[in-house]
C-alpha atoms as a PDB file:
ATOM      1  CA  UNK A   1      76.652 195.343  72.154  1.00  0.00           C
ATOM      2  CA  UNK A   2      77.398 191.762  71.207  1.00  0.00           C
ATOM      3  CA  UNK A   3      79.345 190.987  68.005  1.00  0.00           C
ATOM      4  CA  UNK A   4      79.515 187.425  66.636  1.00  0.00           C
ATOM      5  CA  UNK A   5      81.270 186.274  63.531  1.00  0.00           C
ATOM      6  CA  UNK A   6      80.736 183.081  61.480  1.00  0.00           C
ATOM      7  CA  UNK A   7      79.068 181.200  64.334  1.00  0.00           C
ATOM      8  CA  UNK A   8      76.236 179.443  62.454  1.00  0.00           C
ATOM      9  CA  UNK A   9      78.416 176.786  60.761  1.00  0.00           C
ATOM     10  CA  UNK A  10      76.720 173.767  62.350  1.00  0.00           C
ATOM     11  CA  UNK A  11      73.289 172.980  63.665  1.00  0.00           C
ATOM     12  CA  UNK A  12      74.502 172.367  67.235  1.00  0.00           C
ATOM     13  CA  UNK A  13      76.530 175.580  67.330  1.00  0.00           C
ATOM     14  CA  UNK A  14      73.692 177.568  65.779  1.00  0.00           C
ATOM     15  CA  UNK A  15      71.207 176.429  68.491  1.00  0.00           C
ATOM     16  CA  UNK A  16      73.640 177.288  71.285  1.00  0.00           C
ATOM     17  CA  UNK A  17      74.576 180.675  69.825  1.00  0.00           C
ATOM     18  CA  UNK A  18      70.974 181.672  69.064  1.00  0.00           C
ATOM     19  CA  UNK A  19      69.937 180.972  72.685  1.00  0.00           C
ATOM     20  CA  UNK A  20      72.866 183.079  73.933  1.00  0.00           C
ATOM     21  CA  UNK A  21      72.261 185.893  71.443  1.00  0.00           C
ATOM     22  CA  UNK A  22      68.523 186.012  72.174  1.00  0.00           C
ATOM     23  CA  UNK A  23      69.219 186.347  75.886  1.00  0.00           C
ATOM     24  CA  UNK A  24      71.562 189.239  75.133  1.00  0.00           C
ATOM     25  CA  UNK A  25      69.119 191.078  72.888  1.00  0.00           C
ATOM     26  CA  UNK A  26      66.251 190.596  75.346  1.00  0.00           C
ATOM     27  CA  UNK A  27      68.507 192.053  78.049  1.00  0.00           C
ATOM     28  CA  UNK A  28      68.887 195.190  75.996  1.00  0.00           C
ATOM     29  CA  UNK A  29      72.058 194.457  73.970  1.00  0.00           C
ATOM     30  CA  UNK A  30      72.302 195.180  70.280  1.00  0.00           C
ATOM     31  CA  UNK A  31      73.391 191.941  68.599  1.00  0.00           C
ATOM     32  CA  UNK A  32      75.226 192.004  65.276  1.00  0.00           C
ATOM     33  CA  UNK A  33      76.358 188.895  63.416  1.00  0.00           C
ATOM     34  CA  UNK A  34      78.774 188.643  60.490  1.00  0.00           C
ATOM     35  CA  UNK A  35      77.933 185.619  58.378  1.00  0.00           C
ATOM     36  CA  UNK A  36      79.348 184.371  55.053  1.00  0.00           C
ATOM     37  CA  UNK A  37      76.138 182.542  54.054  1.00  0.00           C
ATOM     38  CA  UNK A  38      76.221 179.555  56.409  1.00  0.00           C
ATOM     39  CA  UNK A  39      73.309 177.175  56.140  1.00  0.00           C
ATOM     40  CA  UNK A  40      72.292 177.302  59.798  1.00  0.00           C
ATOM     41  CA  UNK A  41      71.831 181.076  60.194  1.00  0.00           C
ATOM     42  CA  UNK A  42      68.125 181.482  61.173  1.00  0.00           C
ATOM     43  CA  UNK A  43      67.487 184.329  58.707  1.00  0.00           C
ATOM     44  CA  UNK A  44      63.896 184.784  59.842  1.00  0.00           C
ATOM     45  CA  UNK A  45      65.193 186.147  63.156  1.00  0.00           C
ATOM     46  CA  UNK A  46      67.544 188.739  61.640  1.00  0.00           C
ATOM     47  CA  UNK A  47      67.498 191.692  59.298  1.00  0.00           C
ATOM     48  CA  UNK A  48      70.312 192.630  56.990  1.00  0.00           C
ATOM     49  CA  UNK A  49      72.374 195.733  57.766  1.00  0.00           C
ATOM     50  CA  UNK A  50      75.137 195.497  55.164  1.00  0.00           C
ATOM     51  CA  UNK A  51      76.952 193.180  52.779  1.00  0.00           C
ATOM     52  CA  UNK A  52      80.611 193.055  51.857  1.00  0.00           C
ATOM     53  CA  UNK A  53      82.812 191.166  49.410  1.00  0.00           C
ATOM     54  CA  UNK A  54      85.737 190.033  51.553  1.00  0.00           C
ATOM     55  CA  UNK A  55      89.030 188.677  50.220  1.00  0.00           C
ATOM     56  CA  UNK A  56      89.719 185.185  51.599  1.00  0.00           C
ATOM     57  CA  UNK A  57      92.513 182.620  51.169  1.00  0.00           C
ATOM     58  CA  UNK A  58      91.462 180.373  48.268  1.00  0.00           C
ATOM     59  CA  UNK A  59      92.820 177.300  50.102  1.00  0.00           C
ATOM     60  CA  UNK A  60      90.385 178.019  52.937  1.00  0.00           C
ATOM     61  CA  UNK A  61      87.219 178.852  51.003  1.00  0.00           C
ATOM     62  CA  UNK A  62      87.874 177.662  47.451  1.00  0.00           C
ATOM     63  CA  UNK A  63      87.233 181.210  46.193  1.00  0.00           C
ATOM     64  CA  UNK A  64      89.218 184.462  46.320  1.00  0.00           C
ATOM     65  CA  UNK A  65      86.334 186.673  47.454  1.00  0.00           C
ATOM     66  CA  UNK A  66      83.426 185.681  49.734  1.00  0.00           C
ATOM     67  CA  UNK A  67      80.273 187.755  50.152  1.00  0.00           C
ATOM     68  CA  UNK A  68      79.623 188.326  53.834  1.00  0.00           C
ATOM     69  CA  UNK A  69      76.573 189.920  55.447  1.00  0.00           C
ATOM     70  CA  UNK A  70      76.185 191.824  58.668  1.00  0.00           C
ATOM     71  CA  UNK A  71      72.874 190.944  60.327  1.00  0.00           C
ATOM     72  CA  UNK A  72      71.085 192.369  63.370  1.00  0.00           C
ATOM     73  CA  UNK A  73      69.102 190.032  65.630  1.00  0.00           C
ATOM     74  CA  UNK A  74      65.473 191.050  66.045  1.00  0.00           C
ATOM     75  CA  UNK A  75      64.930 189.244  69.395  1.00  0.00           C
ATOM     76  CA  UNK A  76      61.337 189.489  70.567  1.00  0.00           C
ATOM     77  CA  UNK A  77      60.380 191.325  67.358  1.00  0.00           C
ATOM     78  CA  UNK A  78      60.100 188.155  65.297  1.00  0.00           C
ATOM     79  CA  UNK A  79      57.631 188.721  62.526  1.00  0.00           C
ATOM     80  CA  UNK A  80      57.350 192.490  63.145  1.00  0.00           C
ATOM     81  CA  UNK A  81      58.711 194.995  60.661  1.00  0.00           C
ATOM     82  CA  UNK A  82      61.847 196.328  62.335  1.00  0.00           C
ATOM     83  CA  UNK A  83      61.232 199.837  61.051  1.00  0.00           C
ATOM     84  CA  UNK A  84      58.035 200.214  63.089  1.00  0.00           C
ATOM     85  CA  UNK A  85      58.525 197.984  66.065  1.00  0.00           C
ATOM     86  CA  UNK A  86      59.646 199.799  69.219  1.00  0.00           C
ATOM     87  CA  UNK A  87      60.858 196.556  70.875  1.00  0.00           C
ATOM     88  CA  UNK A  88      63.758 196.154  68.474  1.00  0.00           C
ATOM     89  CA  UNK A  89      67.141 197.632  69.348  1.00  0.00           C
ATOM     90  CA  UNK A  90      67.319 201.351  68.752  1.00  0.00           C
ATOM     91  CA  UNK A  91      63.575 201.765  69.212  1.00  0.00           C
ATOM     92  CA  UNK A  92      62.968 200.434  65.708  1.00  0.00           C
ATOM     93  CA  UNK A  93      65.298 202.981  64.167  1.00  0.00           C
ATOM     94  CA  UNK A  94      67.817 201.510  61.731  1.00  0.00           C
ATOM     95  CA  UNK A  95      71.197 203.087  60.930  1.00  0.00           C
ATOM     96  CA  UNK A  96      71.469 204.369  57.346  1.00  0.00           C
ATOM     97  CA  UNK A  97      73.529 202.480  54.803  1.00  0.00           C
ATOM     98  CA  UNK A  98      75.232 203.915  51.784  1.00  0.00           C
ATOM     99  CA  UNK A  99      77.790 202.778  49.251  1.00  0.00           C
ATOM    100  CA  UNK A 100      78.914 199.669  51.130  1.00  0.00           C
ATOM    101  CA  UNK A 101      79.338 201.594  54.386  1.00  0.00           C
ATOM    102  CA  UNK A 102      77.358 201.041  57.547  1.00  0.00           C
ATOM    103  CA  UNK A 103      76.824 203.936  59.903  1.00  0.00           C
ATOM    104  CA  UNK A 104      76.705 203.747  63.704  1.00  0.00           C
ATOM    105  CA  UNK A 105      75.404 206.251  66.160  1.00  0.00           C
ATOM    106  CA  UNK A 106      78.011 207.854  68.427  1.00  0.00           C
ATOM    107  CA  UNK A 107      77.016 210.068  71.368  1.00  0.00           C
ATOM    108  CA  UNK A 108      77.101 213.248  69.276  1.00  0.00           C
ATOM    109  CA  UNK A 109      77.465 212.420  65.559  1.00  0.00           C
ATOM    110  CA  UNK A 110      77.036 209.794  62.881  1.00  0.00           C
ATOM    111  CA  UNK A 111      80.370 208.088  62.124  1.00  0.00           C
ATOM    112  CA  UNK A 112      81.576 205.572  59.607  1.00  0.00           C
ATOM    113  CA  UNK A 113      82.593 202.069  60.570  1.00  0.00           C
ATOM    114  CA  UNK A 114      83.753 199.083  58.540  1.00  0.00           C
ATOM    115  CA  UNK A 115      82.760 195.508  59.438  1.00  0.00           C
ATOM    116  CA  UNK A 116      85.369 192.761  58.758  1.00  0.00           C
END
């Protein structure tokens, strides 16, 4: 699994990170990205898993709460519905979401996790 946070803040960084993340997903890794709405996130390559309102220092973001989204990179599945495409991570199966929580698969049970 590869986790990346707020890495699409400039065009140059977005290009470098996307190449790296695509290599990871094509090698079999699940790639999750936390992004607060940056302009250079290539949304057409991702699907949304969850969204959160995160408290932030007003001096840093000019707001008290910033909406942040957790995305999963689709890799070679570009343009295919993730729910039916077996090439996406998890064989096309998506973890359920409920009430602001995202669920992850553990070896024996479904467990709750929080993304910050």
